[in-house]
Amino acid sequence: MNPVTTASFVFLAAHLVALVVRGYGDTTLALVVSSLLMFACCLASAVHLLGAKAALKFVAIAVVLGWFAEQMGASHGWFFGEYDYTDVLGPRLGEVPAVIPLMWFSLTYMGYVIANLIVWRAPVDGSPRWFDAVVLSLLAAMVVTAFDLGADPYFVYTLKAWIMVEKDGWWFGETVQGFFGWMFVSFCIVFLFRLTLRHTPPLPWSPVNRRHALVPVLMYAGFMVFQMCVSHPMELRTIAFFAMGMPILCALAGWQHWLPSGKDVR
């Protein structure tokens, strides 16, 4: 196993021990376990597709910017509107649950890979053009925000993971400002990461990389199925199917056509 992947699983185990020792409830344990497993799987996939150095850069950018955005949101109402986290998501760094910045990496990595598969029919690219960096980052941010259309009301009203100060927004009680925040923060994370890869050729095609490229797509599809089963109100279940289903199908089509250099699709 790659040292980076091993370290991520060690971190996961240590975090779980801390949760058990501190006596968090079953819901919190389930949410934290799933978030940490998602992070570990995305990191393992990123190491295979991007290389360990680039994968760690992605983690650093996403965790730092994700934590900063959430801290400013929870303390000053920036980006997402005013809200306060509860204890449902476990231990905090400042006012932000520790798993939230890790989730920012996982979700933006999914968006990054899905956007590349849609446009380039390959999970990673090193395009030097600024236009590509902007457009692909916007597409990735839209993929991430499509997930939040159903996730945000579920986390607020069903799980009560955080409490919104303004409860009469235009989206099932949520404020539209929150979706601007998701778009903006996701765009910044992916765009800054893409800048570190410009002029860098992607790792070569291999059967192992091909399998790892499917990981973020299937995880995103799993989120869609979950939202279709549990989202409330019921309208969000239909919205999840169409909002998330379209990029999933496009990404799967791109993945199917990702082949070694020099081979043509027949």
Protein backbone atom coordinates (compact mmCIF):
# COMPACT_ATOMS: atom_id res chain seq x y z
CA MET A 1 0.00 0.00 0.00
CA ASN A 2 1.21 3.53 -0.82
CA PRO A 3 2.67 5.34 2.25
CA VAL A 4 0.26 8.25 1.80
CA THR A 5 -2.72 5.88 1.71
CA THR A 6 -1.41 4.02 4.76
CA ALA A 7 -1.04 7.27 6.67
CA SER A 8 -4.62 8.26 5.81
CA PHE A 9 -5.99 5.01 7.19
CA VAL A 10 -3.87 5.39 10.35
CA PHE A 11 -5.33 8.88 10.77
CA LEU A 12 -8.81 7.43 10.30
CA ALA A 13 -8.25 4.79 12.99
CA ALA A 14 -6.84 7.34 15.45
CA HIS A 15 -9.80 9.66 14.90
CA LEU A 16 -12.26 6.86 15.54
CA VAL A 17 -10.53 5.87 18.78
CA ALA A 18 -10.77 9.49 19.94
CA LEU A 19 -14.49 9.58 19.15
CA VAL A 20 -15.18 6.39 21.09
CA VAL A 21 -13.15 7.55 24.07
CA ARG A 22 -15.00 10.88 24.18
CA GLY A 23 -18.37 9.11 24.08
CA TYR A 24 -19.99 10.48 20.91
CA GLY A 25 -23.32 8.95 19.85
CA ASP A 26 -24.03 6.46 17.07
CA THR A 27 -25.14 9.10 14.56
CA THR A 28 -21.95 11.09 15.02
CA LEU A 29 -19.82 7.95 14.78
CA ALA A 30 -21.58 6.90 11.56
CA LEU A 31 -21.17 10.34 9.98
CA VAL A 32 -17.53 10.67 10.96
CA VAL A 33 -16.68 7.10 9.87
CA SER A 34 -18.31 7.61 6.48
CA SER A 35 -16.58 10.98 6.02
CA LEU A 36 -13.16 9.58 6.92
CA LEU A 37 -13.61 6.55 4.66
CA MET A 38 -14.65 8.85 1.84
CA PHE A 39 -11.54 10.95 2.42
CA ALA A 40 -9.27 7.90 2.50
CA CYS A 41 -10.75 6.43 -0.69
CA CYS A 42 -10.50 9.74 -2.54
CA LEU A 43 -6.93 10.24 -1.37
CA ALA A 44 -5.96 6.72 -2.51
CA SER A 45 -7.56 7.41 -5.90
CA ALA A 46 -5.81 10.79 -6.18
CA VAL A 47 -2.41 9.27 -5.39
CA HIS A 48 -2.81 6.78 -8.24
CA LEU A 49 -4.13 9.31 -10.77
CA LEU A 50 -2.12 12.40 -9.84
CA GLY A 51 0.90 11.06 -8.00
CA ALA A 52 1.52 11.45 -4.26
CA LYS A 53 2.96 14.97 -4.47
CA ALA A 54 0.09 16.42 -6.50
CA ALA A 55 -2.50 14.56 -4.40
CA LEU A 56 -1.10 16.07 -1.20
CA LYS A 57 -1.17 19.54 -2.81
CA PHE A 58 -4.85 19.01 -3.58
CA VAL A 59 -5.50 17.94 0.02
CA ALA A 60 -3.62 20.95 1.41
CA ILE A 61 -5.47 23.45 -0.81
CA ALA A 62 -8.89 21.93 -0.15
CA VAL A 63 -8.44 21.51 3.61
CA VAL A 64 -7.02 24.99 4.20
CA LEU A 65 -9.51 26.85 1.99
CA GLY A 66 -12.40 24.65 3.10
CA TRP A 67 -11.67 25.22 6.78
CA PHE A 68 -11.17 28.96 6.28
CA ALA A 69 -14.44 29.35 4.38
CA GLU A 70 -16.38 27.39 6.99
CA GLN A 71 -14.75 29.20 9.91
CA MET A 72 -15.58 32.58 8.37
CA GLY A 73 -19.10 31.35 7.65
CA ALA A 74 -19.71 30.08 11.17
CA SER A 75 -18.19 33.15 12.85
CA HIS A 76 -19.02 36.00 10.43
CA GLY A 77 -21.66 34.71 8.00
CA TRP A 78 -19.36 34.88 4.97
CA PHE A 79 -19.99 32.85 1.80
CA PHE A 80 -22.87 30.64 3.05
CA GLY A 81 -24.90 32.88 5.32
CA GLU A 82 -24.99 32.81 9.12
CA TYR A 83 -25.04 29.40 10.81
CA ASP A 84 -23.75 27.54 13.86
CA TYR A 85 -22.46 23.96 13.92
CA THR A 86 -23.84 21.52 16.48
CA ASP A 87 -21.98 18.52 17.92
CA VAL A 88 -23.47 16.08 15.40
CA LEU A 89 -20.36 16.04 13.21
CA GLY A 90 -17.91 15.47 16.05
CA PRO A 91 -14.85 17.36 17.33
CA ARG A 92 -14.13 20.83 16.01
CA LEU A 93 -11.17 22.90 14.86
CA GLY A 94 -12.23 26.36 15.93
CA GLU A 95 -15.95 26.46 15.16
CA VAL A 96 -15.74 23.88 12.34
CA PRO A 97 -16.06 20.09 12.77
CA ALA A 98 -12.74 18.47 11.87
CA VAL A 99 -14.30 16.26 9.18
CA ILE A 100 -15.71 19.21 7.19
CA PRO A 101 -12.38 20.31 5.60
CA LEU A 102 -11.73 16.65 4.71
CA MET A 103 -15.12 16.54 3.03
CA TRP A 104 -14.19 19.60 1.00
CA PHE A 105 -11.25 17.67 -0.42
CA SER A 106 -13.36 14.60 -1.18
CA LEU A 107 -16.15 16.52 -2.90
CA THR A 108 -13.90 18.82 -4.93
CA TYR A 109 -11.78 15.85 -5.99
CA MET A 110 -14.93 14.12 -7.21
CA GLY A 111 -15.91 17.28 -9.08
CA TYR A 112 -12.44 17.62 -10.58
CA VAL A 113 -12.35 14.04 -11.91
CA ILE A 114 -15.95 14.09 -13.16
CA ALA A 115 -15.42 17.39 -14.99
CA ASN A 116 -12.28 16.05 -16.67
CA LEU A 117 -14.02 12.84 -17.71
CA ILE A 118 -16.89 14.81 -19.20
CA VAL A 119 -14.68 17.16 -21.23
CA TRP A 120 -11.43 15.29 -21.88
CA ARG A 121 -12.64 11.66 -21.53
CA ALA A 122 -9.73 11.24 -19.09
CA PRO A 123 -9.68 11.85 -15.32
CA VAL A 124 -6.64 14.16 -15.25
CA ASP A 125 -5.26 16.76 -17.63
CA GLY A 126 -2.38 19.21 -17.65
CA SER A 127 -3.78 21.78 -20.05
CA PRO A 128 -1.73 25.01 -20.01
CA ARG A 129 -4.62 27.21 -21.18
CA TRP A 130 -6.23 29.61 -18.74
CA PHE A 131 -9.60 29.19 -20.44
CA ASP A 132 -9.53 25.46 -19.74
CA ALA A 133 -8.60 26.03 -16.11
CA VAL A 134 -11.48 28.46 -15.57
CA VAL A 135 -14.15 26.50 -17.45
CA LEU A 136 -13.19 23.09 -15.99
CA SER A 137 -13.07 24.57 -12.48
CA LEU A 138 -16.54 26.07 -12.94
CA LEU A 139 -17.86 22.74 -14.18
CA ALA A 140 -16.33 20.94 -11.19
CA ALA A 141 -17.87 23.54 -8.86
CA MET A 142 -21.29 22.95 -10.45
CA VAL A 143 -20.91 19.19 -9.91
CA VAL A 144 -20.11 19.79 -6.24
CA THR A 145 -23.02 22.22 -5.81
CA ALA A 146 -25.43 19.76 -7.45
CA PHE A 147 -24.65 17.44 -4.54
CA ASP A 148 -25.47 20.21 -2.08
CA LEU A 149 -28.93 20.84 -3.54
CA GLY A 150 -30.24 17.84 -1.61
CA ALA A 151 -27.53 17.45 1.03
CA ASP A 152 -27.87 20.87 2.65
CA PRO A 153 -31.55 20.60 3.65
CA TYR A 154 -30.95 17.02 4.86
CA PHE A 155 -28.01 18.02 7.07
CA VAL A 156 -29.88 21.02 8.46
CA TYR A 157 -33.41 19.73 9.03
CA THR A 158 -32.97 15.97 9.42
CA LEU A 159 -29.52 15.52 10.96
CA LYS A 160 -29.43 19.00 12.54
CA ALA A 161 -25.68 19.13 11.93
CA TRP A 162 -25.82 22.92 11.89
CA ILE A 163 -28.43 25.59 12.55
CA MET A 164 -29.11 28.33 10.02
CA VAL A 165 -29.80 31.76 11.46
CA GLU A 166 -32.01 32.66 8.48
CA LYS A 167 -34.62 29.92 8.00
CA ASP A 168 -36.91 31.42 5.34
CA GLY A 169 -34.70 31.14 2.25
CA TRP A 170 -35.87 30.34 -1.28
CA TRP A 171 -34.67 26.71 -1.34
CA PHE A 172 -36.77 24.53 0.98
CA GLY A 173 -35.93 26.88 3.83
CA GLU A 174 -32.28 27.24 2.79
CA THR A 175 -30.79 30.49 1.52
CA VAL A 176 -29.64 30.81 -2.07
CA GLN A 177 -26.50 32.48 -0.72
CA GLY A 178 -25.36 29.07 0.51
CA PHE A 179 -25.21 27.75 -3.04
CA PHE A 180 -23.20 30.77 -4.15
CA GLY A 181 -20.79 29.90 -1.34
CA TRP A 182 -20.52 26.28 -2.49
CA MET A 183 -19.86 27.37 -6.08
CA PHE A 184 -17.31 30.01 -5.10
CA VAL A 185 -15.33 27.93 -2.60
CA SER A 186 -15.36 24.83 -4.82
CA PHE A 187 -14.21 26.89 -7.79
CA CYS A 188 -11.34 28.43 -5.81
CA ILE A 189 -10.13 25.05 -4.57
CA VAL A 190 -10.20 23.33 -7.96
CA PHE A 191 -8.85 26.36 -9.84
CA LEU A 192 -5.88 26.79 -7.50
CA PHE A 193 -5.12 23.10 -7.74
CA ARG A 194 -5.37 23.14 -11.53
CA LEU A 195 -2.83 25.97 -11.63
CA THR A 196 -0.31 23.68 -9.94
CA LEU A 197 -0.80 21.10 -12.74
CA ARG A 198 -0.52 23.38 -15.79
CA HIS A 199 2.09 22.08 -18.27
CA THR A 200 2.31 18.87 -16.24
CA PRO A 201 1.57 15.73 -18.29
CA PRO A 202 -0.92 13.38 -16.60
CA LEU A 203 0.21 9.98 -15.40
CA PRO A 204 -0.05 7.31 -18.12
CA TRP A 205 -3.08 5.09 -18.58
CA SER A 206 -2.94 1.78 -16.75
CA PRO A 207 -5.55 -0.78 -15.66
CA VAL A 208 -4.94 0.21 -12.02
CA ASN A 209 -5.39 3.92 -12.76
CA ARG A 210 -8.50 3.11 -14.78
CA ARG A 211 -10.08 1.45 -11.76
CA HIS A 212 -9.09 4.30 -9.47
CA ALA A 213 -10.61 6.82 -11.89
CA LEU A 214 -13.95 5.12 -11.35
CA VAL A 215 -13.81 5.54 -7.55
CA PRO A 216 -14.87 9.23 -7.34
CA VAL A 217 -17.61 8.72 -9.93
CA LEU A 218 -19.10 5.76 -8.05
CA MET A 219 -18.88 7.59 -4.72
CA TYR A 220 -20.72 10.55 -6.23
CA ALA A 221 -23.31 8.12 -7.61
CA GLY A 222 -23.65 6.65 -4.12
CA PHE A 223 -24.49 10.12 -2.80
CA MET A 224 -27.16 10.44 -5.46
CA VAL A 225 -28.76 7.14 -4.50
CA PHE A 226 -28.61 8.09 -0.81
CA GLN A 227 -30.33 11.41 -1.47
CA MET A 228 -32.99 9.69 -3.60
CA CYS A 229 -33.78 7.43 -0.64
CA VAL A 230 -33.70 9.79 2.35
CA SER A 231 -33.94 13.43 1.22
CA HIS A 232 -36.78 15.48 2.67
CA PRO A 233 -38.97 17.03 1.41
CA MET A 234 -39.74 14.44 -1.27
CA GLU A 235 -39.14 16.86 -4.16
CA LEU A 236 -35.43 16.77 -3.41
CA ARG A 237 -35.28 13.08 -4.33
CA THR A 238 -36.30 13.84 -7.90
CA ILE A 239 -33.97 16.84 -8.02
CA ALA A 240 -31.04 14.67 -6.89
CA PHE A 241 -31.70 12.17 -9.67
CA PHE A 242 -31.58 14.74 -12.46
CA ALA A 243 -29.06 17.21 -10.99
CA MET A 244 -26.50 14.52 -10.08
CA GLY A 245 -27.48 11.83 -12.56
CA MET A 246 -26.55 13.83 -15.65
CA PRO A 247 -22.87 14.46 -14.73
CA ILE A 248 -22.58 10.84 -13.53
CA LEU A 249 -23.74 9.45 -16.89
CA CYS A 250 -21.52 11.87 -18.84
CA ALA A 251 -18.51 10.97 -16.67
CA LEU A 252 -19.14 7.23 -17.08
CA ALA A 253 -19.29 7.71 -20.85
CA GLY A 254 -15.97 9.58 -20.71
CA TRP A 255 -14.43 6.91 -18.49
CA GLN A 256 -15.51 4.19 -20.92
CA HIS A 257 -13.64 5.98 -23.72
CA TRP A 258 -10.46 6.65 -21.70
CA LEU A 259 -7.85 4.49 -23.41
CA PRO A 260 -4.04 4.24 -23.63
CA SER A 261 -2.43 6.84 -25.89
CA GLY A 262 -2.52 5.91 -29.53
CA LYS A 263 -5.57 3.65 -29.30
CA ASP A 264 -8.82 4.56 -30.99
CA VAL A 265 -12.35 3.87 -29.87
CA ARG A 266 -14.05 1.33 -32.18
